[in-house]
Amino acid sequence: MAGRLDVVATPIGNLGDLSARAREALASAELICAEDTRRSAQLLNAIGVSGRLISLHDYNEQSRIETLVQQLRSGKVIALVSDAGTPLLSDPGFALVRAAADAGVEIRSIPGPSALTAALSIAGLATDRFVFEGFPPSRQAERRAAFEIVFTCPACQRKSADRRGARTVDVAEARVRARFQAADDRRHASEHRAYAPQRAAHGRAP
């Protein structure tokens, strides 16, 4: 009998945001893959759950996939969590989820907190259409080119607070009118909002 991979959203700053279903999933998992085991251990301790944790991050995900998929196929229930929020959204886990899907393993989403949707919900922007770009390029030229393409509609990007100034300058030089709202999470990262005005009838932004 095949196991199951649960992709579990965890709080982005308020423990009260953890759903009862998420707690149940973490409590019943035989193994929990965590971006940072120390941070996830604090969460488990706070909710009274004892579980076996292993790290799964950008530097070791590929090397762990084969073993994890074997465990899933043998019947194990594994939970996947990030440091905060919904896994895979600019966080590790994509390679594991894809490998599990390719292996025919059941994958279950345990929805909950997401910094992306939280930021958009209070941005005051029309969200019938938006782009999520994750972390923008670190190189200035690439970042400016990305902004030229992205900010023709409501967009949400992630950026650490210490690089906020450089990004703001790049947006201005791309001649995009933008506004930002930061929402700090446990990792002291920031979510920003930016929008460009609706295009004129002839198809060019004013």
C-alpha atoms as a PDB file:
ATOM      1  CA  MET A   1       0.000   0.000   0.000  1.00  0.00           C
ATOM      2  CA  ALA A   2       1.428   3.377  -1.047  1.00  0.00           C
ATOM      3  CA  GLY A   3       1.920   6.110   1.489  1.00  0.00           C
ATOM      4  CA  ARG A   4       1.079   9.775   1.234  1.00  0.00           C
ATOM      5  CA  LEU A   5       2.851  13.112   1.071  1.00  0.00           C
ATOM      6  CA  ASP A   6       1.129  15.924   2.965  1.00  0.00           C
ATOM      7  CA  VAL A   7       2.159  19.464   1.999  1.00  0.00           C
ATOM      8  CA  VAL A   8       1.357  21.406   5.160  1.00  0.00           C
ATOM      9  CA  ALA A   9       1.053  25.176   5.516  1.00  0.00           C
ATOM     10  CA  THR A  10       2.326  26.544   8.834  1.00  0.00           C
ATOM     11  CA  PRO A  11       1.925  29.950  10.564  1.00  0.00           C
ATOM     12  CA  ILE A  12       3.825  32.981   9.259  1.00  0.00           C
ATOM     13  CA  GLY A  13       3.955  34.711  12.604  1.00  0.00           C
ATOM     14  CA  ASN A  14       0.881  33.855  14.672  1.00  0.00           C
ATOM     15  CA  LEU A  15       0.628  30.348  16.104  1.00  0.00           C
ATOM     16  CA  GLY A  16      -3.146  30.726  16.217  1.00  0.00           C
ATOM     17  CA  ASP A  17      -3.223  30.525  12.426  1.00  0.00           C
ATOM     18  CA  LEU A  18      -2.281  26.831  12.456  1.00  0.00           C
ATOM     19  CA  SER A  19      -5.395  24.874  11.493  1.00  0.00           C
ATOM     20  CA  ALA A  20      -6.661  21.847  13.357  1.00  0.00           C
ATOM     21  CA  ARG A  21      -6.217  19.843  10.159  1.00  0.00           C
ATOM     22  CA  ALA A  22      -2.577  20.928   9.876  1.00  0.00           C
ATOM     23  CA  ARG A  23      -1.908  19.918  13.475  1.00  0.00           C
ATOM     24  CA  GLU A  24      -3.519  16.539  12.838  1.00  0.00           C
ATOM     25  CA  ALA A  25      -1.398  16.033   9.718  1.00  0.00           C
ATOM     26  CA  LEU A  26       1.808  16.848  11.583  1.00  0.00           C
ATOM     27  CA  ALA A  27       0.856  14.619  14.510  1.00  0.00           C
ATOM     28  CA  SER A  28       0.053  11.633  12.279  1.00  0.00           C
ATOM     29  CA  ALA A  29       3.052  11.950   9.944  1.00  0.00           C
ATOM     30  CA  GLU A  30       5.724   9.297  10.372  1.00  0.00           C
ATOM     31  CA  LEU A  31       8.343  11.697   9.062  1.00  0.00           C
ATOM     32  CA  ILE A  32       8.370  15.487   8.689  1.00  0.00           C
ATOM     33  CA  CYS A  33      10.589  17.092   6.060  1.00  0.00           C
ATOM     34  CA  ALA A  34      11.453  20.585   7.216  1.00  0.00           C
ATOM     35  CA  GLU A  35      13.343  23.464   5.644  1.00  0.00           C
ATOM     36  CA  ASP A  36      14.942  24.154   9.020  1.00  0.00           C
ATOM     37  CA  THR A  37      14.537  21.406  11.616  1.00  0.00           C
ATOM     38  CA  ARG A  38      15.332  23.761  14.498  1.00  0.00           C
ATOM     39  CA  ARG A  39      12.539  26.145  13.567  1.00  0.00           C
ATOM     40  CA  SER A  40      10.062  23.357  12.900  1.00  0.00           C
ATOM     41  CA  ALA A  41      10.980  21.707  16.196  1.00  0.00           C
ATOM     42  CA  GLN A  42       9.933  24.897  17.969  1.00  0.00           C
ATOM     43  CA  LEU A  43       6.554  24.753  16.214  1.00  0.00           C
ATOM     44  CA  LEU A  44       6.030  21.100  17.096  1.00  0.00           C
ATOM     45  CA  ASN A  45       6.936  21.742  20.735  1.00  0.00           C
ATOM     46  CA  ALA A  46       4.498  24.658  20.875  1.00  0.00           C
ATOM     47  CA  ILE A  47       1.595  22.500  19.652  1.00  0.00           C
ATOM     48  CA  GLY A  48       2.547  19.444  21.696  1.00  0.00           C
ATOM     49  CA  VAL A  49       3.499  17.206  18.801  1.00  0.00           C
ATOM     50  CA  SER A  50       6.504  14.914  18.787  1.00  0.00           C
ATOM     51  CA  GLY A  51       7.587  13.884  15.327  1.00  0.00           C
ATOM     52  CA  ARG A  52      10.677  12.715  13.517  1.00  0.00           C
ATOM     53  CA  LEU A  53      12.211  15.632  11.637  1.00  0.00           C
ATOM     54  CA  ILE A  54      14.695  15.598   8.786  1.00  0.00           C
ATOM     55  CA  SER A  55      15.999  18.596   6.879  1.00  0.00           C
ATOM     56  CA  LEU A  56      14.948  19.240   3.297  1.00  0.00           C
ATOM     57  CA  HIS A  57      16.352  22.399   1.752  1.00  0.00           C
ATOM     58  CA  ASP A  58      17.934  23.714  -1.430  1.00  0.00           C
ATOM     59  CA  TYR A  59      21.297  22.121  -0.645  1.00  0.00           C
ATOM     60  CA  ASN A  60      20.200  18.554   0.081  1.00  0.00           C
ATOM     61  CA  GLU A  61      16.804  18.036  -1.572  1.00  0.00           C
ATOM     62  CA  GLN A  62      18.122  16.251  -4.643  1.00  0.00           C
ATOM     63  CA  SER A  63      20.192  13.818  -2.580  1.00  0.00           C
ATOM     64  CA  ARG A  64      17.225  12.897  -0.355  1.00  0.00           C
ATOM     65  CA  ILE A  65      14.565  12.376  -3.025  1.00  0.00           C
ATOM     66  CA  GLU A  66      15.251   8.734  -3.889  1.00  0.00           C
ATOM     67  CA  THR A  67      15.109   7.581  -0.271  1.00  0.00           C
ATOM     68  CA  LEU A  68      12.005   9.646   0.511  1.00  0.00           C
ATOM     69  CA  VAL A  69      10.130   8.358  -2.535  1.00  0.00           C
ATOM     70  CA  GLN A  70      11.030   4.773  -1.584  1.00  0.00           C
ATOM     71  CA  GLN A  71       9.599   5.398   1.873  1.00  0.00           C
ATOM     72  CA  LEU A  72       6.431   6.864   0.381  1.00  0.00           C
ATOM     73  CA  ARG A  73       5.995   3.914  -1.968  1.00  0.00           C
ATOM     74  CA  SER A  74       6.463   1.509   0.936  1.00  0.00           C
ATOM     75  CA  GLY A  75       3.540   3.076   2.786  1.00  0.00           C
ATOM     76  CA  LYS A  76       4.989   5.874   4.887  1.00  0.00           C
ATOM     77  CA  VAL A  77       3.074   9.100   5.504  1.00  0.00           C
ATOM     78  CA  ILE A  78       5.411  12.079   5.178  1.00  0.00           C
ATOM     79  CA  ALA A  79       4.661  15.730   5.859  1.00  0.00           C
ATOM     80  CA  LEU A  80       6.459  18.581   4.109  1.00  0.00           C
ATOM     81  CA  VAL A  81       6.760  21.983   5.791  1.00  0.00           C
ATOM     82  CA  SER A  82       8.727  25.158   5.172  1.00  0.00           C
ATOM     83  CA  ASP A  83       9.973  27.614   7.783  1.00  0.00           C
ATOM     84  CA  ALA A  84       6.676  29.476   7.578  1.00  0.00           C
ATOM     85  CA  GLY A  85       3.678  29.661   5.257  1.00  0.00           C
ATOM     86  CA  THR A  86       2.881  27.361   2.350  1.00  0.00           C
ATOM     87  CA  PRO A  87       5.724  25.127   1.087  1.00  0.00           C
ATOM     88  CA  LEU A  88       7.082  25.427  -2.469  1.00  0.00           C
ATOM     89  CA  LEU A  89       6.191  29.133  -2.871  1.00  0.00           C
ATOM     90  CA  SER A  90       9.782  30.394  -3.089  1.00  0.00           C
ATOM     91  CA  ASP A  91      10.659  27.570  -0.697  1.00  0.00           C
ATOM     92  CA  PRO A  92      12.104  24.049  -1.115  1.00  0.00           C
ATOM     93  CA  GLY A  93       9.963  21.022  -1.910  1.00  0.00           C
ATOM     94  CA  PHE A  94       9.243  21.187  -5.629  1.00  0.00           C
ATOM     95  CA  ALA A  95      11.626  18.360  -6.532  1.00  0.00           C
ATOM     96  CA  LEU A  96      10.158  16.064  -3.887  1.00  0.00           C
ATOM     97  CA  VAL A  97       6.561  16.792  -4.875  1.00  0.00           C
ATOM     98  CA  ARG A  98       7.311  16.200  -8.555  1.00  0.00           C
ATOM     99  CA  ALA A  99       9.153  12.943  -7.823  1.00  0.00           C
ATOM    100  CA  ALA A 100       6.284  11.747  -5.623  1.00  0.00           C
ATOM    101  CA  ALA A 101       3.768  12.589  -8.349  1.00  0.00           C
ATOM    102  CA  ASP A 102       5.840  10.762 -10.954  1.00  0.00           C
ATOM    103  CA  ALA A 103       5.918   7.737  -8.654  1.00  0.00           C
ATOM    104  CA  GLY A 104       2.127   7.720  -8.366  1.00  0.00           C
ATOM    105  CA  VAL A 105       2.141   8.643  -4.679  1.00  0.00           C
ATOM    106  CA  GLU A 106      -0.900  10.405  -3.239  1.00  0.00           C
ATOM    107  CA  ILE A 107      -0.147  14.061  -2.507  1.00  0.00           C
ATOM    108  CA  ARG A 108      -2.443  15.985  -0.206  1.00  0.00           C
ATOM    109  CA  SER A 109      -2.509  19.739   0.307  1.00  0.00           C
ATOM    110  CA  ILE A 110      -3.188  20.963   3.843  1.00  0.00           C
ATOM    111  CA  PRO A 111      -3.899  24.633   3.049  1.00  0.00           C
ATOM    112  CA  GLY A 112      -3.358  27.501   5.419  1.00  0.00           C
ATOM    113  CA  PRO A 113      -1.234  30.633   5.863  1.00  0.00           C
ATOM    114  CA  SER A 114       0.471  32.070   2.791  1.00  0.00           C
ATOM    115  CA  ALA A 115       2.489  35.280   2.756  1.00  0.00           C
ATOM    116  CA  LEU A 116       1.590  35.767  -0.915  1.00  0.00           C
ATOM    117  CA  THR A 117      -2.179  35.748  -0.497  1.00  0.00           C
ATOM    118  CA  ALA A 118      -1.960  37.602   2.818  1.00  0.00           C
ATOM    119  CA  ALA A 119      -0.078  40.483   1.168  1.00  0.00           C
ATOM    120  CA  LEU A 120      -2.412  40.598  -1.839  1.00  0.00           C
ATOM    121  CA  SER A 121      -5.539  40.550   0.322  1.00  0.00           C
ATOM    122  CA  ILE A 122      -4.628  43.862   1.966  1.00  0.00           C
ATOM    123  CA  ALA A 123      -2.879  45.513  -0.984  1.00  0.00           C
ATOM    124  CA  GLY A 124      -5.933  47.320  -2.328  1.00  0.00           C
ATOM    125  CA  LEU A 125      -5.202  46.038  -5.834  1.00  0.00           C
ATOM    126  CA  ALA A 126      -7.391  44.302  -8.391  1.00  0.00           C
ATOM    127  CA  THR A 127      -6.360  40.663  -7.998  1.00  0.00           C
ATOM    128  CA  ASP A 128      -8.342  39.055 -10.813  1.00  0.00           C
ATOM    129  CA  ARG A 129      -4.965  38.945 -12.542  1.00  0.00           C
ATOM    130  CA  PHE A 130      -1.539  39.055 -10.913  1.00  0.00           C
ATOM    131  CA  VAL A 131       1.974  37.679 -11.249  1.00  0.00           C
ATOM    132  CA  PHE A 132       4.070  36.008  -8.558  1.00  0.00           C
ATOM    133  CA  GLU A 133       7.774  36.217  -9.289  1.00  0.00           C
ATOM    134  CA  GLY A 134       9.266  34.994  -6.025  1.00  0.00           C
ATOM    135  CA  PHE A 135      12.670  36.463  -5.238  1.00  0.00           C
ATOM    136  CA  PRO A 136      13.846  38.830  -8.002  1.00  0.00           C
ATOM    137  CA  PRO A 137      17.306  38.401  -9.582  1.00  0.00           C
ATOM    138  CA  SER A 138      20.234  39.600  -7.468  1.00  0.00           C
ATOM    139  CA  ARG A 139      22.036  41.242 -10.402  1.00  0.00           C
ATOM    140  CA  GLN A 140      20.849  44.765 -11.102  1.00  0.00           C
ATOM    141  CA  ALA A 141      20.592  44.487 -14.906  1.00  0.00           C
ATOM    142  CA  GLU A 142      18.603  41.263 -14.708  1.00  0.00           C
ATOM    143  CA  ARG A 143      16.397  42.706 -11.968  1.00  0.00           C
ATOM    144  CA  ARG A 144      15.567  45.817 -14.020  1.00  0.00           C
ATOM    145  CA  ALA A 145      14.741  43.714 -17.067  1.00  0.00           C
ATOM    146  CA  ALA A 146      12.445  41.553 -14.962  1.00  0.00           C
ATOM    147  CA  PHE A 147      10.634  44.597 -13.590  1.00  0.00           C
ATOM    148  CA  GLU A 148       9.996  45.916 -17.098  1.00  0.00           C
ATOM    149  CA  ILE A 149       8.126  42.706 -17.912  1.00  0.00           C
ATOM    150  CA  VAL A 150       6.451  41.963 -14.602  1.00  0.00           C
ATOM    151  CA  PHE A 151       4.994  45.251 -13.469  1.00  0.00           C
ATOM    152  CA  THR A 152       2.458  45.650 -16.264  1.00  0.00           C
ATOM    153  CA  CYS A 153      -0.091  44.082 -13.906  1.00  0.00           C
ATOM    154  CA  PRO A 154      -0.407  43.643 -10.130  1.00  0.00           C
ATOM    155  CA  ALA A 155       2.665  41.761  -8.960  1.00  0.00           C
ATOM    156  CA  CYS A 156       3.984  40.323  -5.738  1.00  0.00           C
ATOM    157  CA  GLN A 157       7.667  39.662  -5.163  1.00  0.00           C
ATOM    158  CA  ARG A 158       9.644  38.649  -2.110  1.00  0.00           C
ATOM    159  CA  LYS A 159      12.659  40.577  -0.908  1.00  0.00           C
ATOM    160  CA  SER A 160      14.649  40.674   2.290  1.00  0.00           C
ATOM    161  CA  ALA A 161      14.464  43.980   4.131  1.00  0.00           C
ATOM    162  CA  ASP A 162      18.158  44.794   3.710  1.00  0.00           C
ATOM    163  CA  ARG A 163      17.814  44.910  -0.109  1.00  0.00           C
ATOM    164  CA  ARG A 164      14.580  46.891  -0.246  1.00  0.00           C
ATOM    165  CA  GLY A 165      16.228  50.201  -1.196  1.00  0.00           C
ATOM    166  CA  ALA A 166      18.054  48.848  -4.234  1.00  0.00           C
ATOM    167  CA  ARG A 167      14.901  47.262  -5.508  1.00  0.00           C
ATOM    168  CA  THR A 168      12.904  50.478  -5.149  1.00  0.00           C
ATOM    169  CA  VAL A 169      15.468  52.367  -7.225  1.00  0.00           C
ATOM    170  CA  ASP A 170      15.334  49.732  -9.948  1.00  0.00           C
ATOM    171  CA  VAL A 171      11.554  49.940 -10.129  1.00  0.00           C
ATOM    172  CA  ALA A 172      11.713  53.713 -10.492  1.00  0.00           C
ATOM    173  CA  GLU A 173      14.337  53.529 -13.232  1.00  0.00           C
ATOM    174  CA  ALA A 174      12.149  51.066 -15.103  1.00  0.00           C
ATOM    175  CA  ARG A 175       9.584  53.903 -15.167  1.00  0.00           C
ATOM    176  CA  VAL A 176       6.974  51.924 -13.287  1.00  0.00           C
ATOM    177  CA  ARG A 177       4.823  53.697 -10.694  1.00  0.00           C
ATOM    178  CA  ALA A 178       4.907  51.398  -7.725  1.00  0.00           C
ATOM    179  CA  ARG A 179       3.886  51.216  -4.111  1.00  0.00           C
ATOM    180  CA  PHE A 180       5.020  48.745  -1.537  1.00  0.00           C
ATOM    181  CA  GLN A 181       3.687  47.256   1.633  1.00  0.00           C
ATOM    182  CA  ALA A 182       5.934  45.100   3.788  1.00  0.00           C
ATOM    183  CA  ALA A 183       4.709  42.236   5.931  1.00  0.00           C
ATOM    184  CA  ASP A 184       7.426  40.729   8.106  1.00  0.00           C
ATOM    185  CA  ASP A 185       7.394  37.040   8.883  1.00  0.00           C
ATOM    186  CA  ARG A 186       9.502  35.043  11.314  1.00  0.00           C
ATOM    187  CA  ARG A 187      12.489  35.131   9.028  1.00  0.00           C
ATOM    188  CA  HIS A 188      12.361  38.941   8.910  1.00  0.00           C
ATOM    189  CA  ALA A 189      11.710  38.738   5.190  1.00  0.00           C
ATOM    190  CA  SER A 190       9.338  41.195   3.556  1.00  0.00           C
ATOM    191  CA  GLU A 191       6.461  40.891   1.176  1.00  0.00           C
ATOM    192  CA  HIS A 192       6.046  43.861  -1.113  1.00  0.00           C
ATOM    193  CA  ARG A 193       3.239  44.997  -3.298  1.00  0.00           C
ATOM    194  CA  ALA A 194       3.589  46.946  -6.465  1.00  0.00           C
ATOM    195  CA  TYR A 195       1.261  47.935  -9.223  1.00  0.00           C
ATOM    196  CA  ALA A 196       1.308  49.753 -12.514  1.00  0.00           C
ATOM    197  CA  PRO A 197      -1.636  51.849 -13.690  1.00  0.00           C
ATOM    198  CA  GLN A 198      -3.966  50.350 -16.249  1.00  0.00           C
ATOM    199  CA  ARG A 199      -2.688  50.685 -19.765  1.00  0.00           C
ATOM    200  CA  ALA A 200      -4.112  53.291 -22.042  1.00  0.00           C
ATOM    201  CA  ALA A 201      -6.365  52.253 -24.921  1.00  0.00           C
ATOM    202  CA  HIS A 202      -3.451  52.216 -27.352  1.00  0.00           C
ATOM    203  CA  GLY A 203      -1.696  49.588 -25.256  1.00  0.00           C
ATOM    204  CA  ARG A 204       1.097  51.587 -23.605  1.00  0.00           C
ATOM    205  CA  ALA A 205       1.333  52.500 -19.962  1.00  0.00           C
ATOM    206  CA  PRO A 206       1.046  56.288 -19.388  1.00  0.00           C
END
